[in-house]
Protein backbone atom coordinates (compact mmCIF):
# COMPACT_ATOMS: atom_id res chain seq x y z
CA MET A 1 -0.04 0.02 -0.16
CA ARG A 2 2.80 2.57 0.76
CA LYS A 3 4.24 1.22 -2.76
CA PHE A 4 0.91 2.82 -4.31
CA GLN A 5 0.60 5.87 -2.47
CA ILE A 6 4.44 7.57 -3.04
CA ILE A 7 3.98 6.44 -7.11
CA LEU A 8 0.60 7.69 -7.36
CA THR A 9 1.45 10.95 -5.69
CA ALA A 10 4.83 11.00 -7.99
CA ILE A 11 2.10 10.70 -10.38
CA LEU A 12 0.32 13.79 -9.55
CA LEU A 13 3.64 15.74 -8.92
CA VAL A 14 4.53 15.04 -12.79
CA ALA A 15 0.80 15.82 -14.05
CA CYS A 16 0.83 19.03 -12.04
CA SER A 17 4.26 20.70 -12.66
CA ASN A 18 2.59 21.06 -16.93
CA PHE A 19 -0.28 22.12 -15.26
CA THR A 20 -1.18 26.15 -16.75
CA PRO A 21 -3.20 28.14 -15.00
CA ASN A 22 -6.44 28.79 -16.91
CA GLY A 23 -5.87 32.51 -18.91
CA ILE A 24 -3.21 31.28 -19.30
CA LEU A 25 -1.28 30.14 -22.81
CA SER A 26 0.05 26.45 -23.50
CA GLU A 27 3.25 26.81 -23.76
CA ARG A 28 2.19 24.82 -27.66
CA LYS A 29 -0.07 28.55 -28.12
CA ILE A 30 2.81 30.44 -26.78
CA ILE A 31 5.83 29.69 -29.32
CA PRO A 32 4.41 30.47 -32.34
CA ILE A 33 3.43 34.52 -31.53
CA ILE A 34 6.56 34.94 -29.80
CA VAL A 35 7.97 33.51 -33.31
CA ASP A 36 5.78 36.01 -34.95
CA ILE A 37 6.83 38.57 -32.70
CA HIS A 38 10.19 38.51 -33.65
CA LEU A 39 10.47 38.39 -36.91
CA ALA A 40 8.15 41.53 -35.84
CA GLU A 41 11.00 43.62 -34.18
CA GLY A 42 13.61 42.55 -37.42
CA ILE A 43 9.99 44.16 -39.50
CA ASN A 44 9.59 47.25 -36.89
CA SER A 45 14.15 48.23 -36.55
CA GLN A 46 13.62 48.33 -40.63
CA ARG A 47 11.28 50.73 -40.69
CA TYR A 48 12.69 53.81 -41.27
CA SER A 49 14.40 52.20 -44.50
CA LEU A 50 10.79 51.11 -45.54
CA LYS A 51 9.36 54.41 -45.26
CA VAL A 52 7.08 53.78 -42.55
CA THR A 53 7.03 56.36 -40.33
CA ARG A 54 4.56 55.87 -37.61
CA ASP A 55 4.58 56.44 -34.77
CA ASN A 56 2.24 53.11 -32.87
CA TYR A 57 3.78 51.03 -35.80
CA GLN A 58 4.99 48.56 -33.47
CA GLU A 59 2.31 48.50 -31.70
CA ASP A 60 0.11 47.60 -34.89
CA LEU A 61 2.10 44.77 -35.59
CA TYR A 62 1.61 43.53 -32.81
CA LEU A 63 -2.05 43.83 -32.32
CA SER A 64 -2.53 42.13 -35.79
CA ILE A 65 -0.10 39.38 -34.17
CA LEU A 66 -2.43 39.04 -31.70
CA LYS A 67 -5.35 38.81 -33.08
CA LYS A 68 -4.14 36.33 -36.14
CA TYR A 69 -3.56 34.05 -33.60
CA LYS A 70 -6.92 35.43 -31.53
CA VAL A 71 -5.74 35.83 -28.81
CA ASP A 72 -6.46 39.13 -27.05
CA GLN A 73 -3.85 41.56 -25.42
CA LYS A 74 -4.40 41.03 -22.07
CA THR A 75 -4.15 37.55 -22.18
CA PHE A 76 -1.67 37.68 -24.13
CA GLU A 77 0.28 39.94 -21.58
CA ALA A 78 -0.72 37.73 -18.13
CA SER A 79 0.37 34.25 -20.11
CA VAL A 80 3.93 36.70 -20.71
CA PHE A 81 4.31 38.08 -17.20
CA TYR A 82 3.08 33.50 -15.81
CA TYR A 83 6.78 32.54 -17.52
CA GLY A 84 8.59 35.24 -16.42
CA LYS A 85 8.04 33.65 -13.13
CA HIS A 86 7.97 30.40 -13.84
CA PRO A 87 11.55 29.97 -15.88
CA GLU A 88 11.31 26.65 -15.62
CA LYS A 89 8.88 26.81 -18.00
CA TYR A 90 9.92 29.14 -19.53
CA LYS A 91 13.29 28.09 -20.93
CA PRO A 92 12.07 25.34 -23.02
CA VAL A 93 9.36 27.76 -24.66
CA TYR A 94 11.57 30.15 -25.23
CA ASP A 95 13.85 27.65 -26.51
CA GLU A 96 11.76 26.20 -28.99
CA VAL A 97 11.28 30.00 -30.15
CA LEU A 98 14.96 30.11 -30.84
CA ASN A 99 14.93 26.54 -32.86
CA ARG A 100 12.42 27.97 -34.98
CA LEU A 101 13.79 30.82 -35.18
CA ASN A 102 17.77 30.03 -36.21
CA GLU A 103 15.50 27.45 -38.63
CA MET A 104 13.79 29.83 -40.43
CA ASP A 105 17.31 31.46 -41.20
CA VAL A 106 18.94 28.67 -42.53
CA ASN A 107 16.09 27.90 -44.76
CA SER A 108 16.11 32.05 -45.61
CA LYS A 109 20.05 31.51 -46.30
CA THR A 110 19.67 28.13 -48.24
CA LYS A 111 16.84 29.32 -50.34
CA ASP A 112 19.37 32.93 -51.31
CA SER A 113 22.46 30.46 -52.17
CA ILE A 114 20.48 28.62 -54.32
CA GLN A 115 18.89 31.08 -55.73
CA ASN A 116 21.85 33.56 -56.22
CA LYS A 117 23.57 30.11 -58.41
CA ARG A 118 21.20 30.39 -60.09
CA LYS A 119 21.53 33.70 -61.63
CA LYS A 120 25.36 33.01 -62.80
């Protein structure tokens, strides 16, 4: 009976460790949003070369991303705050964000390389 209680406790601890409170985006849902936000930051940093001088351009980019994923600003901000207070949950999220961004970078460079070879 004692072994059963220990096993049950261990299972409950593992199950609860992946628990995300209501109103907080799951890891699966927040990762693509953060990826798009990083891409938007890159676009925003180029806004003057794109001749976009609106003051609220960055905010418009962020809001369009949230709209794309059907997430309201309050939920996203609460989620970022939650993950920021739980670095053990945020690290795997951000690792996956970085993996996806690196993969995009590699794919882009490969595509550019192929196009450059065709031009020659």
